[in-house]
Structures are given as C-alpha cells and as structure tokens.
C-alpha cells in the first residue's frame, strides 16, 4: 500500500513527529517478502537498490517476547536487495544526539520494524 504525507522531523508535544516535507510510505505486513514488494519499494524510492542507503529502525521489536527470528529474516531480506548501505538505529537505545542525525541524513530511507 502506498501512502504520501507531507512531513519533516520535528519535536512536538508528544515527542518526535514529521512536518512540511513529502514522505512516501510502503506499508507491508511482513517486510520485503517477494519481488513485487521489492519492485514497489524501488519504484517508490525512484532509485536502484545499489544507489539507495537505508536506515532500519527496529525499536518496535523491543516489546515482542520470545524468538525474534522474524527480525533477522527481515534484515536478511533487506540485505538480499543489494542496498548501497544499511544502518541499524534503535532510537530507544541511544541518546537523541546520536540517532537523530542518522535518520534525517539526506538521501537515506527509513524502514521501521
């Protein structure tokens, strides 16, 4: 599912939010699990995988209990797309002055898990 929203990262009353810049979302129930989802992602980004830098944000997985092999599989599926680079940034684990520059870096795309 494709969604567009105007956004830019800013700090508001309830924490960090987005405002005044275009943001494109590709929502899936299980990550990049097949070629059509991968194609939709790169059509959305408008770049080839080898030209795309990615930031993977696994913070939501912190509350899941038990085996997290699905998280590893998500990362493997991303790696198999041959991105230029993949960074992992857990915004709950490090201070804001460390994670914020990583996720607002120009030319990077965010993946939330």
Foldseek 3Di string as FASTA:
>chain_A
DKDKDAFCWDQDPVGITTHGHIDIDDDDPQACDDDVSVVVVCVRLVDQQLQAEEEEAEQVCVPDDDDDVSVVVNVVSSVVSNHVYYHYDHPVPDDCVPVVCVVNPPRHYYHYD
